[in-house]
Amino acid sequence: MKNNLVGPKTIQQALAMSAAVLGLIALGLVGYSIHLEKSAKDLVDSVRQVHSTEDAERMIESWGKRSGKHFWQESDHLGGEHNFDAQIDNTPLSRLHVWEPTVVTAGFTMRGHELRSAVVIMTTGRRPDTTSSVWVQEWFEPDSLNRIHVVAKDKPWKATVEFTTGIAESQRQKAFALNTSCLARLGGCKSADELLPGVWHLDTNQP
């Protein structure tokens, strides 16, 4: 009669193999998280560096080569406006239900081959009642006032930041300083101030 009992050595080997597999999975998740966060930061930084129609066109072309021809989604709207929109999200991570679904959207609006506005939106949350977001929009209208306005009616969960292209570069940097680590943070980010640190202090109209 054969002895079907599993020996200690076999158990140790199985545990070692399981540990090795889990280690590889963990390394893969860490590597993917780092890549995801860096890609989102690069995208936001690229939008921040746009100061003209020519800059926007070069940026759209560059990211199209980097991320594929389907990276930008184009659409036409009333008034002759043409939009270019792209997204980076953490869907593979959020499916594990340890990370919150988080999306970074970048977009440009053109009218008659002239850049009208640039936008970066960061949204996080699994349900509408727990979703936080920050909408950052730069206007390139020639007659706009050089100021930053923050819409805080949905504070602390949601914020809209609008400003014009003539503001100081130090202010632009603060407005575009989105916390892309939210894409890979366990549990996600829970408020607009976590998505864009200092967002409620950006308004240049504050007393």
Protein backbone atom coordinates (compact mmCIF):
# COMPACT_ATOMS: atom_id res chain seq x y z
CA MET A 1 0.00 0.00 0.00
CA LYS A 2 1.46 3.35 -1.09
CA ASN A 3 1.89 6.18 1.35
CA ASN A 4 -0.06 9.17 -0.06
CA LEU A 5 1.01 11.54 2.69
CA VAL A 6 2.79 14.64 1.45
CA GLY A 7 6.19 15.06 3.05
CA PRO A 8 7.55 18.24 4.63
CA LYS A 9 9.96 18.75 1.74
CA THR A 10 7.12 18.77 -0.79
CA ILE A 11 5.17 21.28 1.29
CA GLN A 12 8.22 23.52 1.56
CA GLN A 13 8.73 23.40 -2.20
CA ALA A 14 5.09 24.29 -2.81
CA LEU A 15 5.27 27.20 -0.37
CA ALA A 16 8.49 28.43 -1.94
CA MET A 17 6.96 28.28 -5.41
CA SER A 18 3.84 30.12 -4.22
CA ALA A 19 5.98 32.78 -2.60
CA ALA A 20 8.01 33.18 -5.79
CA VAL A 21 4.85 33.56 -7.89
CA LEU A 22 3.39 36.12 -5.49
CA GLY A 23 6.69 37.98 -5.50
CA LEU A 24 6.69 38.17 -9.29
CA ILE A 25 3.10 39.42 -9.29
CA ALA A 26 3.97 42.06 -6.69
CA LEU A 27 6.99 43.19 -8.72
CA GLY A 28 4.82 43.37 -11.82
CA LEU A 29 2.23 45.52 -10.04
CA VAL A 30 4.92 47.84 -8.68
CA GLY A 31 6.53 48.19 -12.10
CA TYR A 32 3.18 48.86 -13.77
CA SER A 33 2.22 51.40 -11.09
CA ILE A 34 5.48 53.32 -11.56
CA HIS A 35 5.03 53.33 -15.35
CA LEU A 36 1.40 54.43 -15.05
CA GLU A 37 2.17 57.30 -12.70
CA LYS A 38 5.10 58.50 -14.83
CA SER A 39 3.06 58.37 -18.05
CA ALA A 40 0.27 60.42 -16.49
CA LYS A 41 2.74 62.95 -15.10
CA ASP A 42 4.44 63.25 -18.50
CA LEU A 43 1.05 63.86 -20.13
CA VAL A 44 0.10 66.59 -17.67
CA ASP A 45 3.54 68.21 -17.99
CA SER A 46 3.21 68.14 -21.77
CA VAL A 47 -0.09 70.04 -21.59
CA ARG A 48 1.45 72.56 -19.17
CA GLN A 49 4.23 73.28 -21.68
CA VAL A 50 1.75 74.24 -24.42
CA HIS A 51 1.65 78.00 -25.00
CA SER A 52 0.42 78.19 -28.60
CA THR A 53 -1.40 76.38 -31.39
CA GLU A 54 1.94 75.17 -32.76
CA ASP A 55 2.90 73.76 -29.35
CA ALA A 56 -0.41 71.88 -29.14
CA GLU A 57 -0.01 70.42 -32.62
CA ARG A 58 3.53 69.22 -31.84
CA MET A 59 2.39 67.72 -28.54
CA ILE A 60 -0.53 65.88 -30.18
CA GLU A 61 1.80 64.49 -32.85
CA SER A 62 4.46 63.49 -30.31
CA TRP A 63 2.04 61.61 -28.05
CA GLY A 64 0.42 59.98 -31.05
CA LYS A 65 3.80 58.52 -32.01
CA ARG A 66 4.52 57.55 -28.40
CA SER A 67 1.19 55.91 -27.54
CA GLY A 68 -0.31 54.93 -30.88
CA LYS A 69 -2.57 56.48 -33.47
CA HIS A 70 -5.69 55.76 -31.40
CA PHE A 71 -4.41 57.64 -28.34
CA TRP A 72 -6.19 60.85 -29.36
CA GLN A 73 -9.95 60.81 -29.92
CA GLU A 74 -11.13 63.58 -32.23
CA SER A 75 -14.61 65.11 -32.29
CA ASP A 76 -16.38 68.08 -33.89
CA HIS A 77 -18.78 70.38 -32.05
CA LEU A 78 -21.13 73.26 -32.74
CA GLY A 79 -19.48 76.55 -33.52
CA GLY A 80 -16.71 74.97 -35.55
CA GLU A 81 -14.80 73.61 -32.56
CA HIS A 82 -12.63 70.51 -32.96
CA ASN A 83 -11.51 68.55 -29.90
CA PHE A 84 -8.55 66.25 -29.27
CA ASP A 85 -8.94 64.13 -26.12
CA ALA A 86 -6.76 61.40 -24.60
CA GLN A 87 -6.90 59.36 -21.41
CA ILE A 88 -4.63 57.39 -19.12
CA ASP A 89 -6.41 55.21 -16.55
CA ASN A 90 -5.66 52.51 -14.01
CA THR A 91 -8.29 49.98 -15.14
CA PRO A 92 -6.04 46.90 -14.67
CA LEU A 93 -5.38 47.95 -11.06
CA SER A 94 -8.94 49.04 -10.24
CA ARG A 95 -10.28 45.63 -11.31
CA LEU A 96 -8.54 44.20 -8.25
CA HIS A 97 -10.82 46.39 -6.06
CA VAL A 98 -7.85 47.53 -4.00
CA TRP A 99 -7.26 50.65 -6.10
CA GLU A 100 -9.99 53.15 -6.94
CA PRO A 101 -10.79 53.71 -10.64
CA THR A 102 -8.82 56.82 -11.60
CA VAL A 103 -8.57 58.59 -14.95
CA VAL A 104 -6.41 61.44 -16.24
CA THR A 105 -7.84 63.14 -19.33
CA ALA A 106 -5.99 65.68 -21.46
CA GLY A 107 -7.65 67.67 -24.20
CA PHE A 108 -7.39 70.57 -26.60
CA THR A 109 -10.12 72.59 -28.28
CA MET A 110 -9.35 74.20 -31.64
CA ARG A 111 -11.46 76.66 -33.58
CA GLY A 112 -10.47 77.51 -37.12
CA HIS A 113 -7.00 75.99 -36.61
CA GLU A 114 -6.45 78.22 -33.56
CA LEU A 115 -6.02 76.86 -30.05
CA ARG A 116 -8.91 77.95 -27.85
CA SER A 117 -8.31 75.99 -24.64
CA ALA A 118 -6.37 73.17 -23.01
CA VAL A 119 -7.78 70.98 -20.27
CA VAL A 120 -6.58 68.33 -17.84
CA ILE A 121 -9.16 66.42 -15.78
CA MET A 122 -8.46 63.94 -13.01
CA THR A 123 -11.33 61.83 -11.69
CA THR A 124 -11.31 59.08 -9.07
CA GLY A 125 -14.00 56.96 -7.45
CA ARG A 126 -16.04 53.82 -8.00
CA ARG A 127 -19.51 55.30 -7.44
CA PRO A 128 -20.99 58.70 -8.37
CA ASP A 129 -21.61 59.58 -4.71
CA THR A 130 -17.95 58.92 -3.80
CA THR A 131 -16.27 60.40 -6.87
CA SER A 132 -13.77 63.24 -6.57
CA SER A 133 -12.45 65.26 -9.50
CA VAL A 134 -10.43 68.29 -10.53
CA TRP A 135 -10.96 70.06 -13.86
CA VAL A 136 -8.10 72.36 -14.89
CA GLN A 137 -8.70 74.52 -17.96
CA GLU A 138 -6.46 77.13 -19.58
CA TRP A 139 -8.02 79.63 -21.97
CA PHE A 140 -6.09 81.12 -24.86
CA GLU A 141 -8.54 83.92 -25.66
CA PRO A 142 -6.54 87.10 -26.45
CA ASP A 143 -8.84 89.42 -24.47
CA SER A 144 -9.06 87.29 -21.31
CA LEU A 145 -8.07 88.61 -17.90
CA ASN A 146 -4.88 87.19 -16.40
CA ARG A 147 -6.24 85.47 -13.32
CA ILE A 148 -7.11 82.09 -11.79
CA HIS A 149 -10.66 81.28 -10.76
CA VAL A 150 -11.59 78.23 -8.67
CA VAL A 151 -15.17 76.96 -8.61
CA ALA A 152 -15.70 75.52 -5.13
CA LYS A 153 -19.45 74.82 -5.02
CA ASP A 154 -18.79 71.06 -4.63
CA LYS A 155 -15.97 71.46 -2.11
CA PRO A 156 -14.23 69.34 -0.82
CA TRP A 157 -14.91 66.65 -3.45
CA LYS A 158 -14.80 68.52 -6.75
CA ALA A 159 -13.06 71.63 -8.06
CA THR A 160 -12.85 73.47 -11.37
CA VAL A 161 -9.78 75.63 -11.97
CA GLU A 162 -9.88 78.13 -14.85
CA PHE A 163 -7.18 80.56 -15.87
CA THR A 164 -5.83 82.43 -18.84
CA THR A 165 -2.60 81.95 -20.70
CA GLY A 166 -1.15 85.25 -19.49
CA ILE A 167 -0.76 84.27 -15.83
CA ALA A 168 2.69 83.85 -14.30
CA GLU A 169 4.46 80.57 -15.01
CA SER A 170 4.74 79.88 -11.27
CA GLN A 171 0.94 80.00 -11.04
CA ARG A 172 0.54 77.72 -14.07
CA GLN A 173 2.84 75.16 -12.47
CA LYS A 174 0.71 75.12 -9.32
CA ALA A 175 -2.50 74.81 -11.35
CA PHE A 176 -1.14 71.84 -13.30
CA ALA A 177 0.49 70.13 -10.27
CA LEU A 178 -1.93 67.19 -10.30
CA ASN A 179 -1.06 64.34 -7.98
CA THR A 180 -0.69 61.50 -10.48
CA SER A 181 0.29 59.11 -7.67
CA CYS A 182 -3.48 58.84 -7.05
CA LEU A 183 -3.55 56.42 -10.00
CA ALA A 184 -1.52 53.87 -8.03
CA ARG A 185 -2.32 54.77 -4.42
CA LEU A 186 -3.95 51.99 -2.42
CA GLY A 187 -7.47 53.11 -1.60
CA GLY A 188 -7.21 56.03 -4.01
CA CYS A 189 -7.50 59.77 -3.35
CA LYS A 190 -10.61 61.04 -1.61
CA SER A 191 -10.88 64.78 -2.29
CA ALA A 192 -10.06 67.53 -4.76
CA ASP A 193 -7.24 68.72 -2.50
CA GLU A 194 -5.62 65.27 -2.70
CA LEU A 195 -5.90 65.29 -6.50
CA LEU A 196 -4.48 68.82 -6.75
CA PRO A 197 -2.73 69.84 -3.51
CA GLY A 198 -3.47 73.45 -2.57
CA VAL A 199 -6.33 73.77 -5.05
CA TRP A 200 -8.47 75.90 -2.74
CA HIS A 201 -5.70 78.51 -2.41
CA LEU A 202 -5.16 79.01 -6.15
CA ASP A 203 -7.95 81.56 -6.70
CA THR A 204 -6.34 84.96 -7.33
CA ASN A 205 -9.65 86.66 -6.47
CA GLN A 206 -9.50 85.50 -2.85
CA PRO A 207 -9.22 88.37 -0.34
